[in-house]
């Protein structure tokens, strides 16, 4: 099994000084803004046909 990916920056302040949090799997703490956040994998997206910017038909 491979190691989980770590976030590169804080989603609140953008700083890179992150450390694993004590709350459990997926929890991270930002030393710059003193916030804690958690990452969670929700699942894979199903992709339908690609659309053009105007929403008509398939993109070429």
PDB file of N, CA and C in Angstrom:
ATOM      1  N   UNK A   1       0.847  -1.174   0.000  1.00  0.00           N
ATOM      2  CA  UNK A   1       0.000   0.000   0.000  1.00  0.00           C
ATOM      3  C   UNK A   1       0.890   1.234   0.000  1.00  0.00           C
ATOM      4  N   UNK A   2       0.502   2.242  -0.774  1.00  0.00           N
ATOM      5  CA  UNK A   2       1.310   3.454  -0.876  1.00  0.00           C
ATOM      6  C   UNK A   2       0.952   4.458   0.218  1.00  0.00           C
ATOM      7  N   UNK A   3       1.875   5.377   0.436  1.00  0.00           N
ATOM      8  CA  UNK A   3       1.660   6.431   1.442  1.00  0.00           C
ATOM      9  C   UNK A   3       0.646   7.444   0.923  1.00  0.00           C
ATOM     10  N   UNK A   4      -0.171   7.989   1.803  1.00  0.00           N
ATOM     11  CA  UNK A   4      -1.180   8.986   1.427  1.00  0.00           C
ATOM     12  C   UNK A   4      -0.515  10.298   1.042  1.00  0.00           C
ATOM     13  N   UNK A   5      -1.142  11.008   0.136  1.00  0.00           N
ATOM     14  CA  UNK A   5      -0.626  12.308  -0.281  1.00  0.00           C
ATOM     15  C   UNK A   5      -0.922  13.355   0.786  1.00  0.00           C
ATOM     16  N   UNK A   6       0.003  14.246   0.975  1.00  0.00           N
ATOM     17  CA  UNK A   6      -0.150  15.327   1.944  1.00  0.00           C
ATOM     18  C   UNK A   6      -0.513  16.614   1.208  1.00  0.00           C
ATOM     19  N   UNK A   7      -1.269  17.502   1.845  1.00  0.00           N
ATOM     20  CA  UNK A   7      -1.570  18.789   1.194  1.00  0.00           C
ATOM     21  C   UNK A   7      -0.298  19.625   1.081  1.00  0.00           C
ATOM     22  N   UNK A   8      -0.217  20.423   0.031  1.00  0.00           N
ATOM     23  CA  UNK A   8       0.955  21.267  -0.190  1.00  0.00           C
ATOM     24  C   UNK A   8       0.833  22.630   0.482  1.00  0.00           C
ATOM     25  N   UNK A   9      -0.414  23.070   0.715  1.00  0.00           N
ATOM     26  CA  UNK A   9      -0.607  24.387   1.320  1.00  0.00           C
ATOM     27  C   UNK A   9      -1.935  24.424   2.073  1.00  0.00           C
ATOM     28  N   UNK A  10      -2.040  25.361   2.987  1.00  0.00           N
ATOM     29  CA  UNK A  10      -3.241  25.537   3.798  1.00  0.00           C
ATOM     30  C   UNK A  10      -4.369  26.083   2.916  1.00  0.00           C
ATOM     31  N   UNK A  11      -5.573  25.508   2.977  1.00  0.00           N
ATOM     32  CA  UNK A  11      -6.676  26.017   2.163  1.00  0.00           C
ATOM     33  C   UNK A  11      -7.202  27.378   2.642  1.00  0.00           C
ATOM     34  N   UNK A  12      -6.785  27.820   3.818  1.00  0.00           N
ATOM     35  CA  UNK A  12      -7.260  29.102   4.363  1.00  0.00           C
ATOM     36  C   UNK A  12      -6.302  30.251   4.085  1.00  0.00           C
ATOM     37  N   UNK A  13      -5.012  30.042   4.364  1.00  0.00           N
ATOM     38  CA  UNK A  13      -4.060  31.141   4.205  1.00  0.00           C
ATOM     39  C   UNK A  13      -3.029  30.903   3.102  1.00  0.00           C
ATOM     40  N   UNK A  14      -2.910  29.680   2.609  1.00  0.00           N
ATOM     41  CA  UNK A  14      -1.981  29.373   1.543  1.00  0.00           C
ATOM     42  C   UNK A  14      -0.567  29.066   1.992  1.00  0.00           C
ATOM     43  N   UNK A  15      -0.298  29.134   3.291  1.00  0.00           N
ATOM     44  CA  UNK A  15       1.042  28.856   3.793  1.00  0.00           C
ATOM     45  C   UNK A  15       1.361  27.371   3.672  1.00  0.00           C
ATOM     46  N   UNK A  16       2.652  27.036   3.657  1.00  0.00           N
ATOM     47  CA  UNK A  16       3.094  25.661   3.490  1.00  0.00           C
ATOM     48  C   UNK A  16       3.563  25.009   4.791  1.00  0.00           C
ATOM     49  N   UNK A  17       3.446  25.693   5.913  1.00  0.00           N
ATOM     50  CA  UNK A  17       3.906  25.150   7.193  1.00  0.00           C
ATOM     51  C   UNK A  17       2.799  24.288   7.819  1.00  0.00           C
ATOM     52  N   UNK A  18       2.618  23.082   7.299  1.00  0.00           N
ATOM     53  CA  UNK A  18       1.567  22.167   7.751  1.00  0.00           C
ATOM     54  C   UNK A  18       2.161  20.985   8.499  1.00  0.00           C
ATOM     55  N   UNK A  19       1.403  20.516   9.471  1.00  0.00           N
ATOM     56  CA  UNK A  19       1.810  19.341  10.259  1.00  0.00           C
ATOM     57  C   UNK A  19       0.603  18.441  10.454  1.00  0.00           C
ATOM     58  N   UNK A  20       0.821  17.124  10.515  1.00  0.00           N
ATOM     59  CA  UNK A  20      -0.315  16.224  10.777  1.00  0.00           C
ATOM     60  C   UNK A  20      -0.982  16.576  12.095  1.00  0.00           C
ATOM     61  N   UNK A  21      -2.301  16.562  12.118  1.00  0.00           N
ATOM     62  CA  UNK A  21      -3.048  16.904  13.324  1.00  0.00           C
ATOM     63  C   UNK A  21      -3.224  15.713  14.246  1.00  0.00           C
ATOM     64  N   UNK A  22      -3.611  15.990  15.471  1.00  0.00           N
ATOM     65  CA  UNK A  22      -3.805  14.951  16.475  1.00  0.00           C
ATOM     66  C   UNK A  22      -5.203  14.335  16.410  1.00  0.00           C
ATOM     67  N   UNK A  23      -6.110  14.903  15.617  1.00  0.00           N
ATOM     68  CA  UNK A  23      -7.501  14.452  15.582  1.00  0.00           C
ATOM     69  C   UNK A  23      -7.681  13.131  14.852  1.00  0.00           C
ATOM     70  N   UNK A  24      -6.669  12.669  14.141  1.00  0.00           N
ATOM     71  CA  UNK A  24      -6.791  11.395  13.453  1.00  0.00           C
ATOM     72  C   UNK A  24      -6.427  11.489  11.993  1.00  0.00           C
ATOM     73  N   UNK A  25      -6.772  10.457  11.251  1.00  0.00           N
ATOM     74  CA  UNK A  25      -6.399  10.350   9.840  1.00  0.00           C
ATOM     75  C   UNK A  25      -6.971  11.501   9.015  1.00  0.00           C
ATOM     76  N   UNK A  26      -6.119  12.136   8.235  1.00  0.00           N
ATOM     77  CA  UNK A  26      -6.553  13.208   7.354  1.00  0.00           C
ATOM     78  C   UNK A  26      -6.599  14.577   7.997  1.00  0.00           C
ATOM     79  N   UNK A  27      -6.242  14.691   9.265  1.00  0.00           N
ATOM     80  CA  UNK A  27      -6.271  15.977   9.964  1.00  0.00           C
ATOM     81  C   UNK A  27      -4.917  16.668   9.832  1.00  0.00           C
ATOM     82  N   UNK A  28      -4.952  17.968   9.576  1.00  0.00           N
ATOM     83  CA  UNK A  28      -3.746  18.768   9.421  1.00  0.00           C
ATOM     84  C   UNK A  28      -3.881  20.063  10.197  1.00  0.00           C
ATOM     85  N   UNK A  29      -2.732  20.596  10.632  1.00  0.00           N
ATOM     86  CA  UNK A  29      -2.684  21.860  11.363  1.00  0.00           C
ATOM     87  C   UNK A  29      -1.753  22.815  10.638  1.00  0.00           C
ATOM     88  N   UNK A  30      -2.183  24.073  10.496  1.00  0.00           N
ATOM     89  CA  UNK A  30      -1.362  25.105   9.875  1.00  0.00           C
ATOM     90  C   UNK A  30      -0.743  25.958  10.972  1.00  0.00           C
ATOM     91  N   UNK A  31       0.577  26.024  11.001  1.00  0.00           N
ATOM     92  CA  UNK A  31       1.267  26.813  12.019  1.00  0.00           C
ATOM     93  C   UNK A  31       1.168  28.310  11.736  1.00  0.00           C
ATOM     94  N   UNK A  32       0.949  28.689  10.482  1.00  0.00           N
ATOM     95  CA  UNK A  32       0.901  30.109  10.125  1.00  0.00           C
ATOM     96  C   UNK A  32      -0.394  30.779  10.587  1.00  0.00           C
ATOM     97  N   UNK A  33      -1.541  30.149  10.339  1.00  0.00           N
ATOM     98  CA  UNK A  33      -2.817  30.794  10.696  1.00  0.00           C
ATOM     99  C   UNK A  33      -3.497  30.108  11.886  1.00  0.00           C
ATOM    100  N   UNK A  34      -2.845  29.087  12.444  1.00  0.00           N
ATOM    101  CA  UNK A  34      -3.334  28.394  13.641  1.00  0.00           C
ATOM    102  C   UNK A  34      -4.710  27.750  13.420  1.00  0.00           C
ATOM    103  N   UNK A  35      -4.946  27.236  12.203  1.00  0.00           N
ATOM    104  CA  UNK A  35      -6.206  26.550  11.902  1.00  0.00           C
ATOM    105  C   UNK A  35      -5.944  25.060  11.726  1.00  0.00           C
ATOM    106  N   UNK A  36      -6.961  24.280  12.007  1.00  0.00           N
ATOM    107  CA  UNK A  36      -6.907  22.843  11.770  1.00  0.00           C
ATOM    108  C   UNK A  36      -7.969  22.505  10.734  1.00  0.00           C
ATOM    109  N   UNK A  37      -7.651  21.568   9.849  1.00  0.00           N
ATOM    110  CA  UNK A  37      -8.608  21.138   8.834  1.00  0.00           C
ATOM    111  C   UNK A  37      -8.413  19.653   8.568  1.00  0.00           C
ATOM    112  N   UNK A  38      -9.387  19.061   7.899  1.00  0.00           N
ATOM    113  CA  UNK A  38      -9.333  17.634   7.630  1.00  0.00           C
ATOM    114  C   UNK A  38      -9.608  17.377   6.156  1.00  0.00           C
ATOM    115  N   UNK A  39      -8.849  16.469   5.581  1.00  0.00           N
ATOM    116  CA  UNK A  39      -9.037  16.074   4.195  1.00  0.00           C
ATOM    117  C   UNK A  39      -9.796  14.757   4.157  1.00  0.00           C
ATOM    118  N   UNK A  40     -10.695  14.629   3.173  1.00  0.00           N
ATOM    119  CA  UNK A  40     -11.485  13.414   3.065  1.00  0.00           C
ATOM    120  C   UNK A  40     -11.700  13.097   1.583  1.00  0.00           C
ATOM    121  N   UNK A  41     -11.420  11.869   1.198  1.00  0.00           N
ATOM    122  CA  UNK A  41     -11.660  11.415  -0.158  1.00  0.00           C
ATOM    123  C   UNK A  41     -13.131  11.059  -0.287  1.00  0.00           C
ATOM    124  N   UNK A  42     -13.815  11.670  -1.239  1.00  0.00           N
ATOM    125  CA  UNK A  42     -15.249  11.449  -1.398  1.00  0.00           C
ATOM    126  C   UNK A  42     -15.571  10.374  -2.416  1.00  0.00           C
ATOM    127  N   UNK A  43     -14.735  10.165  -3.394  1.00  0.00           N
ATOM    128  CA  UNK A  43     -14.975   9.151  -4.410  1.00  0.00           C
ATOM    129  C   UNK A  43     -14.549   9.635  -5.773  1.00  0.00           C
ATOM    130  N   UNK A  44     -14.740   8.791  -6.767  1.00  0.00           N
ATOM    131  CA  UNK A  44     -14.379   9.122  -8.134  1.00  0.00           C
ATOM    132  C   UNK A  44     -15.576   9.739  -8.850  1.00  0.00           C
ATOM    133  N   UNK A  45     -15.295  10.664  -9.737  1.00  0.00           N
ATOM    134  CA  UNK A  45     -16.347  11.308 -10.519  1.00  0.00           C
ATOM    135  C   UNK A  45     -16.575  10.524 -11.803  1.00  0.00           C
ATOM    136  N   UNK A  46     -17.811  10.428 -12.224  1.00  0.00           N
ATOM    137  CA  UNK A  46     -18.097   9.840 -13.522  1.00  0.00           C
ATOM    138  C   UNK A  46     -18.088  10.957 -14.536  1.00  0.00           C
ATOM    139  N   UNK A  47     -17.440  10.738 -15.619  1.00  0.00           N
ATOM    140  CA  UNK A  47     -17.304  11.761 -16.660  1.00  0.00           C
ATOM    141  C   UNK A  47     -18.251  11.455 -17.804  1.00  0.00           C
ATOM    142  N   UNK A  48     -19.095  12.416 -18.125  1.00  0.00           N
ATOM    143  CA  UNK A  48     -19.970  12.312 -19.275  1.00  0.00           C
ATOM    144  C   UNK A  48     -19.264  12.899 -20.484  1.00  0.00           C
ATOM    145  N   UNK A  49     -19.992  13.088 -21.570  1.00  0.00           N
ATOM    146  CA  UNK A  49     -19.371  13.701 -22.749  1.00  0.00           C
ATOM    147  C   UNK A  49     -18.917  15.125 -22.448  1.00  0.00           C
ATOM    148  N   UNK A  50     -17.786  15.494 -23.020  1.00  0.00           N
ATOM    149  CA  UNK A  50     -17.254  16.843 -22.827  1.00  0.00           C
ATOM    150  C   UNK A  50     -18.172  17.848 -23.508  1.00  0.00           C
ATOM    151  N   UNK A  51     -18.338  18.991 -22.898  1.00  0.00           N
ATOM    152  CA  UNK A  51     -19.218  20.035 -23.451  1.00  0.00           C
ATOM    153  C   UNK A  51     -18.392  21.242 -23.844  1.00  0.00           C
ATOM    154  N   UNK A  52     -18.876  21.978 -24.813  1.00  0.00           N
ATOM    155  CA  UNK A  52     -18.245  23.235 -25.205  1.00  0.00           C
ATOM    156  C   UNK A  52     -18.625  24.302 -24.182  1.00  0.00           C
ATOM    157  N   UNK A  53     -17.924  25.433 -24.171  1.00  0.00           N
ATOM    158  CA  UNK A  53     -18.242  26.486 -23.209  1.00  0.00           C
ATOM    159  C   UNK A  53     -19.692  26.973 -23.263  1.00  0.00           C
ATOM    160  N   UNK A  54     -20.320  26.913 -24.448  1.00  0.00           N
ATOM    161  CA  UNK A  54     -21.718  27.355 -24.537  1.00  0.00           C
ATOM    162  C   UNK A  54     -22.705  26.261 -24.153  1.00  0.00           C
ATOM    163  N   UNK A  55     -22.176  25.068 -23.778  1.00  0.00           N
ATOM    164  CA  UNK A  55     -23.027  23.981 -23.298  1.00  0.00           C
ATOM    165  C   UNK A  55     -23.639  23.140 -24.389  1.00  0.00           C
ATOM    166  N   UNK A  56     -23.252  23.358 -25.653  1.00  0.00           N
ATOM    167  CA  UNK A  56     -23.828  22.609 -26.760  1.00  0.00           C
ATOM    168  C   UNK A  56     -22.878  21.526 -27.249  1.00  0.00           C
ATOM    169  N   UNK A  57     -23.341  20.302 -27.265  1.00  0.00           N
ATOM    170  CA  UNK A  57     -22.612  19.197 -27.884  1.00  0.00           C
ATOM    171  C   UNK A  57     -21.256  18.898 -27.302  1.00  0.00           C
ATOM    172  N   UNK A  58     -20.511  18.086 -28.029  1.00  0.00           N
ATOM    173  CA  UNK A  58     -19.182  17.686 -27.566  1.00  0.00           C
ATOM    174  C   UNK A  58     -18.131  18.661 -28.032  1.00  0.00           C
ATOM    175  N   UNK A  59     -17.114  18.821 -27.217  1.00  0.00           N
ATOM    176  CA  UNK A  59     -15.991  19.698 -27.565  1.00  0.00           C
ATOM    177  C   UNK A  59     -15.126  18.979 -28.580  1.00  0.00           C
ATOM    178  N   UNK A  60     -14.469  19.733 -29.432  1.00  0.00           N
ATOM    179  CA  UNK A  60     -13.584  19.123 -30.425  1.00  0.00           C
ATOM    180  C   UNK A  60     -12.151  19.427 -30.107  1.00  0.00           C
TER     181      UNK A  60
END
